[in-house]
Amino acid sequence: MKPRKAQDLRELTDQELMNLVEETQETLANQRFQNELKQLQDTAYLKILKSDIARMKSILNERKVNA
């Protein structure tokens, strides 16, 4: 899976972004669990998910500061 682009994330509303952060965190937790059980094929996906979460949180913080 490709990382999400900041430009695409900026088009979402705050509520949509918060929901997306929660969903991505759940996915990351599930993927980490699968990784521990040696069932995960693509371990690079973990890094992509963590980067996406950080990117989404950064956008939310930018909006808070600018508001």
C-alpha atoms as a PDB file:
ATOM      1  CA  MET A   1       0.000   0.000   0.000  1.00  0.00           C
ATOM      2  CA  LYS A   2       1.211   3.477  -0.822  1.00  0.00           C
ATOM      3  CA  PRO A   3       1.447   6.225   1.790  1.00  0.00           C
ATOM      4  CA  ARG A   4      -1.285   8.834   1.786  1.00  0.00           C
ATOM      5  CA  LYS A   5      -0.383  12.212   0.369  1.00  0.00           C
ATOM      6  CA  ALA A   6      -0.650  15.295   2.563  1.00  0.00           C
ATOM      7  CA  GLN A   7      -2.471  17.151  -0.202  1.00  0.00           C
ATOM      8  CA  ASP A   8      -5.233  14.527  -0.230  1.00  0.00           C
ATOM      9  CA  LEU A   9      -5.465  14.540   3.564  1.00  0.00           C
ATOM     10  CA  ARG A  10      -5.781  18.329   3.697  1.00  0.00           C
ATOM     11  CA  GLU A  11      -8.990  18.091   1.653  1.00  0.00           C
ATOM     12  CA  LEU A  12     -10.686  16.122   4.456  1.00  0.00           C
ATOM     13  CA  THR A  13     -12.565  17.723   7.330  1.00  0.00           C
ATOM     14  CA  ASP A  14     -11.276  17.586  10.906  1.00  0.00           C
ATOM     15  CA  GLN A  15     -13.819  14.918  11.867  1.00  0.00           C
ATOM     16  CA  GLU A  16     -12.938  12.773   8.868  1.00  0.00           C
ATOM     17  CA  LEU A  17      -9.252  13.073   9.721  1.00  0.00           C
ATOM     18  CA  MET A  18      -9.825  12.082  13.354  1.00  0.00           C
ATOM     19  CA  ASN A  19     -11.855   9.056  12.257  1.00  0.00           C
ATOM     20  CA  LEU A  20      -9.140   8.118   9.783  1.00  0.00           C
ATOM     21  CA  VAL A  21      -6.469   8.378  12.499  1.00  0.00           C
ATOM     22  CA  GLU A  22      -8.467   6.027  14.723  1.00  0.00           C
ATOM     23  CA  GLU A  23      -8.996   3.523  11.908  1.00  0.00           C
ATOM     24  CA  THR A  24      -5.325   3.625  10.943  1.00  0.00           C
ATOM     25  CA  GLN A  25      -4.249   3.114  14.556  1.00  0.00           C
ATOM     26  CA  GLU A  26      -6.498   0.057  14.799  1.00  0.00           C
ATOM     27  CA  THR A  27      -5.048  -1.293  11.566  1.00  0.00           C
ATOM     28  CA  LEU A  28      -1.533  -0.690  12.872  1.00  0.00           C
ATOM     29  CA  ALA A  29      -2.304  -2.559  16.088  1.00  0.00           C
ATOM     30  CA  ASN A  30      -3.676  -5.514  14.107  1.00  0.00           C
ATOM     31  CA  GLN A  31      -0.673  -5.523  11.794  1.00  0.00           C
ATOM     32  CA  ARG A  32       1.745  -5.416  14.737  1.00  0.00           C
ATOM     33  CA  PHE A  33      -0.054  -8.398  16.267  1.00  0.00           C
ATOM     34  CA  GLN A  34       0.216 -10.331  13.025  1.00  0.00           C
ATOM     35  CA  ASN A  35       3.884  -9.396  12.815  1.00  0.00           C
ATOM     36  CA  GLU A  36       4.505 -10.839  16.278  1.00  0.00           C
ATOM     37  CA  LEU A  37       2.845 -14.084  15.197  1.00  0.00           C
ATOM     38  CA  LYS A  38       5.037 -14.151  12.064  1.00  0.00           C
ATOM     39  CA  GLN A  39       1.962 -13.987   9.849  1.00  0.00           C
ATOM     40  CA  LEU A  40       2.709 -10.619   8.256  1.00  0.00           C
ATOM     41  CA  GLN A  41       4.180 -10.712   4.757  1.00  0.00           C
ATOM     42  CA  ASP A  42       4.863  -7.018   4.158  1.00  0.00           C
ATOM     43  CA  THR A  43       6.591  -5.563   7.217  1.00  0.00           C
ATOM     44  CA  ALA A  44       7.222  -2.253   5.426  1.00  0.00           C
ATOM     45  CA  TYR A  45       3.483  -1.620   5.762  1.00  0.00           C
ATOM     46  CA  LEU A  46       4.033  -0.932   9.482  1.00  0.00           C
ATOM     47  CA  LYS A  47       6.289   2.012   8.672  1.00  0.00           C
ATOM     48  CA  ILE A  48       3.821   3.365   6.127  1.00  0.00           C
ATOM     49  CA  LEU A  49       1.003   3.240   8.677  1.00  0.00           C
ATOM     50  CA  LYS A  50       3.076   5.023  11.330  1.00  0.00           C
ATOM     51  CA  SER A  51       4.039   7.735   8.855  1.00  0.00           C
ATOM     52  CA  ASP A  52       0.431   8.192   7.777  1.00  0.00           C
ATOM     53  CA  ILE A  53      -0.690   8.601  11.393  1.00  0.00           C
ATOM     54  CA  ALA A  54       2.020  11.181  12.025  1.00  0.00           C
ATOM     55  CA  ARG A  55       1.094  13.057   8.853  1.00  0.00           C
ATOM     56  CA  MET A  56      -2.595  13.162   9.806  1.00  0.00           C
ATOM     57  CA  LYS A  57      -1.840  14.340  13.346  1.00  0.00           C
ATOM     58  CA  SER A  58       0.465  17.048  11.992  1.00  0.00           C
ATOM     59  CA  ILE A  59      -2.284  18.369   9.740  1.00  0.00           C
ATOM     60  CA  LEU A  60      -4.746  18.403  12.660  1.00  0.00           C
ATOM     61  CA  ASN A  61      -2.227  20.303  14.814  1.00  0.00           C
ATOM     62  CA  GLU A  62      -1.601  22.824  12.029  1.00  0.00           C
ATOM     63  CA  ARG A  63      -5.324  23.492  11.853  1.00  0.00           C
ATOM     64  CA  LYS A  64      -5.535  23.985  15.627  1.00  0.00           C
ATOM     65  CA  VAL A  65      -2.674  26.488  15.600  1.00  0.00           C
ATOM     66  CA  ASN A  66      -4.099  28.421  12.664  1.00  0.00           C
ATOM     67  CA  ALA A  67      -7.604  28.538  14.120  1.00  0.00           C
END
